[in-house]
Amino acid sequence: MPSFTHSWLPFIYLYFFGGLFFFGGMIIIHKSNSLDLRLKKNRWWRKVLYFGYFYFLIIHSILIIAALYW
């Protein structure tokens, strides 16, 4: 069985530091009023971005679990 440093540590690094940049960018977008949430297409794109981040996080974790235990 692979060790923690070969399986979960890269995952944590990718989604923690990548998440810091992603959510930091989203905060900058909100604070600079670049995103007008009154517009339907802007609300849709915000949902797409958040969904995409968590979708890949979940799929990646499922595939790591599958690789480790099956």
PDB file of N, CA and C in Angstrom:
ATOM      1  N   MET A   1       0.849  -1.179   0.000  1.00  0.00           N
ATOM      2  CA  MET A   1       0.000   0.000   0.000  1.00  0.00           C
ATOM      3  C   MET A   1       0.899   1.248   0.000  1.00  0.00           C
ATOM      4  N   PRO A   2       0.575   2.214  -0.868  1.00  0.00           N
ATOM      5  CA  PRO A   2       1.377   3.452  -0.905  1.00  0.00           C
ATOM      6  C   PRO A   2       1.277   4.225   0.408  1.00  0.00           C
ATOM      7  N   SER A   3       2.328   4.958   0.695  1.00  0.00           N
ATOM      8  CA  SER A   3       2.329   5.726   1.939  1.00  0.00           C
ATOM      9  C   SER A   3       1.511   7.007   1.788  1.00  0.00           C
ATOM     10  N   PHE A   4       1.271   7.638   2.906  1.00  0.00           N
ATOM     11  CA  PHE A   4       0.510   8.887   2.946  1.00  0.00           C
ATOM     12  C   PHE A   4       1.159   9.955   2.077  1.00  0.00           C
ATOM     13  N   THR A   5       2.492  10.010   2.081  1.00  0.00           N
ATOM     14  CA  THR A   5       3.195  11.055   1.340  1.00  0.00           C
ATOM     15  C   THR A   5       3.104  10.867  -0.172  1.00  0.00           C
ATOM     16  N   HIS A   6       2.780   9.648  -0.614  1.00  0.00           N
ATOM     17  CA  HIS A   6       2.651   9.409  -2.056  1.00  0.00           C
ATOM     18  C   HIS A   6       1.210   9.449  -2.533  1.00  0.00           C
ATOM     19  N   SER A   7       0.253   9.422  -1.637  1.00  0.00           N
ATOM     20  CA  SER A   7      -1.142   9.389  -2.069  1.00  0.00           C
ATOM     21  C   SER A   7      -1.917  10.633  -1.643  1.00  0.00           C
ATOM     22  N   TRP A   8      -1.970  10.893  -0.350  1.00  0.00           N
ATOM     23  CA  TRP A   8      -2.826  11.979   0.121  1.00  0.00           C
ATOM     24  C   TRP A   8      -2.105  13.316   0.234  1.00  0.00           C
ATOM     25  N   LEU A   9      -0.818  13.330   0.457  1.00  0.00           N
ATOM     26  CA  LEU A   9      -0.107  14.607   0.597  1.00  0.00           C
ATOM     27  C   LEU A   9      -0.176  15.460  -0.678  1.00  0.00           C
ATOM     28  N   PRO A  10       0.016  14.893  -1.873  1.00  0.00           N
ATOM     29  CA  PRO A  10      -0.149  15.710  -3.077  1.00  0.00           C
ATOM     30  C   PRO A  10      -1.580  16.239  -3.249  1.00  0.00           C
ATOM     31  N   PHE A  11      -2.565  15.426  -2.861  1.00  0.00           N
ATOM     32  CA  PHE A  11      -3.959  15.846  -2.920  1.00  0.00           C
ATOM     33  C   PHE A  11      -4.207  17.044  -2.011  1.00  0.00           C
ATOM     34  N   ILE A  12      -3.726  16.953  -0.778  1.00  0.00           N
ATOM     35  CA  ILE A  12      -3.895  18.049   0.177  1.00  0.00           C
ATOM     36  C   ILE A  12      -3.185  19.301  -0.318  1.00  0.00           C
ATOM     37  N   TYR A  13      -1.975  19.137  -0.823  1.00  0.00           N
ATOM     38  CA  TYR A  13      -1.221  20.275  -1.346  1.00  0.00           C
ATOM     39  C   TYR A  13      -1.966  20.935  -2.514  1.00  0.00           C
ATOM     40  N   LEU A  14      -2.442  20.119  -3.448  1.00  0.00           N
ATOM     41  CA  LEU A  14      -3.118  20.637  -4.634  1.00  0.00           C
ATOM     42  C   LEU A  14      -4.375  21.408  -4.272  1.00  0.00           C
ATOM     43  N   TYR A  15      -5.228  20.836  -3.458  1.00  0.00           N
ATOM     44  CA  TYR A  15      -6.513  21.473  -3.180  1.00  0.00           C
ATOM     45  C   TYR A  15      -6.440  22.500  -2.059  1.00  0.00           C
ATOM     46  N   PHE A  16      -5.444  22.430  -1.186  1.00  0.00           N
ATOM     47  CA  PHE A  16      -5.306  23.468  -0.163  1.00  0.00           C
ATOM     48  C   PHE A  16      -4.705  24.736  -0.763  1.00  0.00           C
ATOM     49  N   PHE A  17      -3.535  24.607  -1.380  1.00  0.00           N
ATOM     50  CA  PHE A  17      -2.899  25.800  -1.943  1.00  0.00           C
ATOM     51  C   PHE A  17      -3.618  26.284  -3.196  1.00  0.00           C
ATOM     52  N   GLY A  18      -4.094  25.364  -4.013  1.00  0.00           N
ATOM     53  CA  GLY A  18      -4.905  25.767  -5.163  1.00  0.00           C
ATOM     54  C   GLY A  18      -6.195  26.426  -4.718  1.00  0.00           C
ATOM     55  N   GLY A  19      -6.775  25.904  -3.647  1.00  0.00           N
ATOM     56  CA  GLY A  19      -7.995  26.501  -3.091  1.00  0.00           C
ATOM     57  C   GLY A  19      -7.754  27.886  -2.534  1.00  0.00           C
ATOM     58  N   LEU A  20      -6.589  28.093  -1.917  1.00  0.00           N
ATOM     59  CA  LEU A  20      -6.264  29.439  -1.427  1.00  0.00           C
ATOM     60  C   LEU A  20      -6.247  30.438  -2.574  1.00  0.00           C
ATOM     61  N   PHE A  21      -5.610  30.065  -3.675  1.00  0.00           N
ATOM     62  CA  PHE A  21      -5.569  30.953  -4.836  1.00  0.00           C
ATOM     63  C   PHE A  21      -6.958  31.118  -5.463  1.00  0.00           C
ATOM     64  N   PHE A  22      -7.691  30.024  -5.567  1.00  0.00           N
ATOM     65  CA  PHE A  22      -9.023  30.081  -6.164  1.00  0.00           C
ATOM     66  C   PHE A  22      -9.959  30.957  -5.334  1.00  0.00           C
ATOM     67  N   PHE A  23     -10.064  30.671  -4.041  1.00  0.00           N
ATOM     68  CA  PHE A  23     -10.984  31.437  -3.198  1.00  0.00           C
ATOM     69  C   PHE A  23     -10.480  32.858  -2.975  1.00  0.00           C
ATOM     70  N   GLY A  24      -9.158  33.045  -2.948  1.00  0.00           N
ATOM     71  CA  GLY A  24      -8.611  34.403  -2.889  1.00  0.00           C
ATOM     72  C   GLY A  24      -9.003  35.203  -4.119  1.00  0.00           C
ATOM     73  N   GLY A  25      -8.926  34.571  -5.279  1.00  0.00           N
ATOM     74  CA  GLY A  25      -9.356  35.226  -6.512  1.00  0.00           C
ATOM     75  C   GLY A  25     -10.837  35.535  -6.509  1.00  0.00           C
ATOM     76  N   MET A  26     -11.631  34.616  -5.984  1.00  0.00           N
ATOM     77  CA  MET A  26     -13.079  34.861  -5.915  1.00  0.00           C
ATOM     78  C   MET A  26     -13.387  36.013  -4.962  1.00  0.00           C
ATOM     79  N   ILE A  27     -12.645  36.121  -3.861  1.00  0.00           N
ATOM     80  CA  ILE A  27     -12.838  37.239  -2.938  1.00  0.00           C
ATOM     81  C   ILE A  27     -12.474  38.550  -3.618  1.00  0.00           C
ATOM     82  N   ILE A  28     -11.364  38.565  -4.355  1.00  0.00           N
ATOM     83  CA  ILE A  28     -10.961  39.772  -5.079  1.00  0.00           C
ATOM     84  C   ILE A  28     -12.023  40.162  -6.102  1.00  0.00           C
ATOM     85  N   ILE A  29     -12.573  39.171  -6.797  1.00  0.00           N
ATOM     86  CA  ILE A  29     -13.622  39.442  -7.781  1.00  0.00           C
ATOM     87  C   ILE A  29     -14.832  40.075  -7.104  1.00  0.00           C
ATOM     88  N   HIS A  30     -15.238  39.543  -5.960  1.00  0.00           N
ATOM     89  CA  HIS A  30     -16.407  40.090  -5.250  1.00  0.00           C
ATOM     90  C   HIS A  30     -16.135  41.490  -4.710  1.00  0.00           C
ATOM     91  N   LYS A  31     -14.965  41.703  -4.126  1.00  0.00           N
ATOM     92  CA  LYS A  31     -14.657  43.005  -3.516  1.00  0.00           C
ATOM     93  C   LYS A  31     -14.439  44.102  -4.552  1.00  0.00           C
ATOM     94  N   SER A  32     -13.978  43.738  -5.750  1.00  0.00           N
ATOM     95  CA  SER A  32     -13.751  44.750  -6.787  1.00  0.00           C
ATOM     96  C   SER A  32     -15.014  45.022  -7.599  1.00  0.00           C
ATOM     97  N   ASN A  33     -16.105  44.397  -7.224  1.00  0.00           N
ATOM     98  CA  ASN A  33     -17.392  44.540  -7.908  1.00  0.00           C
ATOM     99  C   ASN A  33     -17.294  44.177  -9.389  1.00  0.00           C
ATOM    100  N   SER A  34     -16.432  43.246  -9.715  1.00  0.00           N
ATOM    101  CA  SER A  34     -16.334  42.756 -11.088  1.00  0.00           C
ATOM    102  C   SER A  34     -17.455  41.780 -11.404  1.00  0.00           C
ATOM    103  N   LEU A  35     -18.101  41.286 -10.383  1.00  0.00           N
ATOM    104  CA  LEU A  35     -19.172  40.313 -10.541  1.00  0.00           C
ATOM    105  C   LEU A  35     -20.474  40.969 -10.116  1.00  0.00           C
ATOM    106  N   ASP A  36     -21.366  41.168 -11.067  1.00  0.00           N
ATOM    107  CA  ASP A  36     -22.670  41.765 -10.777  1.00  0.00           C
ATOM    108  C   ASP A  36     -23.661  40.630 -10.557  1.00  0.00           C
ATOM    109  N   LEU A  37     -23.978  40.360  -9.304  1.00  0.00           N
ATOM    110  CA  LEU A  37     -24.838  39.225  -8.987  1.00  0.00           C
ATOM    111  C   LEU A  37     -26.302  39.478  -9.319  1.00  0.00           C
ATOM    112  N   ARG A  38     -26.616  40.683  -9.783  1.00  0.00           N
ATOM    113  CA  ARG A  38     -27.986  40.937 -10.249  1.00  0.00           C
ATOM    114  C   ARG A  38     -28.224  40.310 -11.618  1.00  0.00           C
ATOM    115  N   LEU A  39     -27.131  40.047 -12.341  1.00  0.00           N
ATOM    116  CA  LEU A  39     -27.254  39.428 -13.658  1.00  0.00           C
ATOM    117  C   LEU A  39     -27.272  37.909 -13.524  1.00  0.00           C
ATOM    118  N   LYS A  40     -28.215  37.296 -14.220  1.00  0.00           N
ATOM    119  CA  LYS A  40     -28.383  35.850 -14.126  1.00  0.00           C
ATOM    120  C   LYS A  40     -27.148  35.099 -14.621  1.00  0.00           C
ATOM    121  N   LYS A  41     -26.534  35.558 -15.702  1.00  0.00           N
ATOM    122  CA  LYS A  41     -25.376  34.835 -16.250  1.00  0.00           C
ATOM    123  C   LYS A  41     -24.177  34.900 -15.306  1.00  0.00           C
ATOM    124  N   ASN A  42     -24.025  36.003 -14.560  1.00  0.00           N
ATOM    125  CA  ASN A  42     -22.930  36.087 -13.595  1.00  0.00           C
ATOM    126  C   ASN A  42     -23.156  35.161 -12.411  1.00  0.00           C
ATOM    127  N   ARG A  43     -24.398  35.043 -11.947  1.00  0.00           N
ATOM    128  CA  ARG A  43     -24.706  34.096 -10.868  1.00  0.00           C
ATOM    129  C   ARG A  43     -24.449  32.666 -11.340  1.00  0.00           C
ATOM    130  N   TRP A  44     -24.800  32.380 -12.612  1.00  0.00           N
ATOM    131  CA  TRP A  44     -24.587  31.048 -13.170  1.00  0.00           C
ATOM    132  C   TRP A  44     -23.096  30.736 -13.237  1.00  0.00           C
ATOM    133  N   TRP A  45     -22.287  31.677 -13.695  1.00  0.00           N
ATOM    134  CA  TRP A  45     -20.844  31.426 -13.796  1.00  0.00           C
ATOM    135  C   TRP A  45     -20.201  31.248 -12.423  1.00  0.00           C
ATOM    136  N   ARG A  46     -20.687  31.985 -11.442  1.00  0.00           N
ATOM    137  CA  ARG A  46     -20.149  31.804 -10.081  1.00  0.00           C
ATOM    138  C   ARG A  46     -20.439  30.390  -9.588  1.00  0.00           C
ATOM    139  N   LYS A  47     -21.663  29.914  -9.833  1.00  0.00           N
ATOM    140  CA  LYS A  47     -22.019  28.550  -9.441  1.00  0.00           C
ATOM    141  C   LYS A  47     -21.168  27.524 -10.191  1.00  0.00           C
ATOM    142  N   VAL A  48     -20.931  27.768 -11.474  1.00  0.00           N
ATOM    143  CA  VAL A  48     -20.108  26.856 -12.271  1.00  0.00           C
ATOM    144  C   VAL A  48     -18.696  26.775 -11.703  1.00  0.00           C
ATOM    145  N   LEU A  49     -18.112  27.904 -11.335  1.00  0.00           N
ATOM    146  CA  LEU A  49     -16.755  27.910 -10.793  1.00  0.00           C
ATOM    147  C   LEU A  49     -16.668  27.164  -9.462  1.00  0.00           C
ATOM    148  N   TYR A  50     -17.596  27.444  -8.555  1.00  0.00           N
ATOM    149  CA  TYR A  50     -17.589  26.741  -7.272  1.00  0.00           C
ATOM    150  C   TYR A  50     -17.861  25.246  -7.459  1.00  0.00           C
ATOM    151  N   PHE A  51     -18.831  24.922  -8.300  1.00  0.00           N
ATOM    152  CA  PHE A  51     -19.145  23.521  -8.551  1.00  0.00           C
ATOM    153  C   PHE A  51     -17.940  22.804  -9.136  1.00  0.00           C
ATOM    154  N   GLY A  52     -17.257  23.429 -10.077  1.00  0.00           N
ATOM    155  CA  GLY A  52     -16.095  22.818 -10.709  1.00  0.00           C
ATOM    156  C   GLY A  52     -14.993  22.506  -9.717  1.00  0.00           C
ATOM    157  N   TYR A  53     -14.729  23.429  -8.816  1.00  0.00           N
ATOM    158  CA  TYR A  53     -13.685  23.197  -7.809  1.00  0.00           C
ATOM    159  C   TYR A  53     -14.034  21.979  -6.954  1.00  0.00           C
ATOM    160  N   PHE A  54     -15.252  21.968  -6.413  1.00  0.00           N
ATOM    161  CA  PHE A  54     -15.630  20.878  -5.516  1.00  0.00           C
ATOM    162  C   PHE A  54     -15.858  19.572  -6.266  1.00  0.00           C
ATOM    163  N   TYR A  55     -16.299  19.644  -7.521  1.00  0.00           N
ATOM    164  CA  TYR A  55     -16.472  18.442  -8.330  1.00  0.00           C
ATOM    165  C   TYR A  55     -15.131  17.724  -8.517  1.00  0.00           C
ATOM    166  N   PHE A  56     -14.107  18.470  -8.923  1.00  0.00           N
ATOM    167  CA  PHE A  56     -12.806  17.845  -9.133  1.00  0.00           C
ATOM    168  C   PHE A  56     -12.188  17.386  -7.818  1.00  0.00           C
ATOM    169  N   LEU A  57     -12.419  18.109  -6.733  1.00  0.00           N
ATOM    170  CA  LEU A  57     -11.928  17.676  -5.428  1.00  0.00           C
ATOM    171  C   LEU A  57     -12.546  16.332  -5.057  1.00  0.00           C
ATOM    172  N   ILE A  58     -13.845  16.191  -5.236  1.00  0.00           N
ATOM    173  CA  ILE A  58     -14.539  14.958  -4.862  1.00  0.00           C
ATOM    174  C   ILE A  58     -14.134  13.802  -5.776  1.00  0.00           C
ATOM    175  N   ILE A  59     -14.111  14.047  -7.091  1.00  0.00           N
ATOM    176  CA  ILE A  59     -13.718  12.987  -8.026  1.00  0.00           C
ATOM    177  C   ILE A  59     -12.292  12.525  -7.749  1.00  0.00           C
ATOM    178  N   HIS A  60     -11.394  13.472  -7.510  1.00  0.00           N
ATOM    179  CA  HIS A  60     -10.003  13.131  -7.226  1.00  0.00           C
ATOM    180  C   HIS A  60      -9.895  12.285  -5.959  1.00  0.00           C
ATOM    181  N   SER A  61     -10.627  12.667  -4.917  1.00  0.00           N
ATOM    182  CA  SER A  61     -10.564  11.896  -3.672  1.00  0.00           C
ATOM    183  C   SER A  61     -11.160  10.499  -3.846  1.00  0.00           C
ATOM    184  N   ILE A  62     -12.235  10.382  -4.609  1.00  0.00           N
ATOM    185  CA  ILE A  62     -12.829   9.061  -4.859  1.00  0.00           C
ATOM    186  C   ILE A  62     -11.850   8.170  -5.616  1.00  0.00           C
ATOM    187  N   LEU A  63     -11.162   8.740  -6.590  1.00  0.00           N
ATOM    188  CA  LEU A  63     -10.214   7.942  -7.371  1.00  0.00           C
ATOM    189  C   LEU A  63      -8.995   7.529  -6.533  1.00  0.00           C
ATOM    190  N   ILE A  64      -8.563   8.386  -5.615  1.00  0.00           N
ATOM    191  CA  ILE A  64      -7.459   8.011  -4.724  1.00  0.00           C
ATOM    192  C   ILE A  64      -7.897   6.865  -3.817  1.00  0.00           C
ATOM    193  N   ILE A  65      -9.090   6.986  -3.250  1.00  0.00           N
ATOM    194  CA  ILE A  65      -9.603   5.921  -2.383  1.00  0.00           C
ATOM    195  C   ILE A  65      -9.726   4.622  -3.164  1.00  0.00           C
ATOM    196  N   ALA A  66     -10.238   4.702  -4.381  1.00  0.00           N
ATOM    197  CA  ALA A  66     -10.383   3.503  -5.218  1.00  0.00           C
ATOM    198  C   ALA A  66      -9.033   2.870  -5.512  1.00  0.00           C
ATOM    199  N   ALA A  67      -8.036   3.692  -5.802  1.00  0.00           N
ATOM    200  CA  ALA A  67      -6.707   3.167  -6.113  1.00  0.00           C
ATOM    201  C   ALA A  67      -6.046   2.539  -4.890  1.00  0.00           C
ATOM    202  N   LEU A  68      -6.319   3.084  -3.716  1.00  0.00           N
ATOM    203  CA  LEU A  68      -5.671   2.573  -2.505  1.00  0.00           C
ATOM    204  C   LEU A  68      -6.325   1.305  -1.966  1.00  0.00           C
ATOM    205  N   TYR A  69      -7.637   1.182  -2.102  1.00  0.00           N
ATOM    206  CA  TYR A  69      -8.326   0.112  -1.400  1.00  0.00           C
ATOM    207  C   TYR A  69      -8.943  -0.945  -2.312  1.00  0.00           C
ATOM    208  N   TRP A  70      -8.846  -0.779  -3.644  1.00  0.00           N
ATOM    209  CA  TRP A  70      -9.371  -1.806  -4.542  1.00  0.00           C
ATOM    210  C   TRP A  70      -8.293  -2.362  -5.398  1.00  0.00           C
TER     211      TRP A  70
END
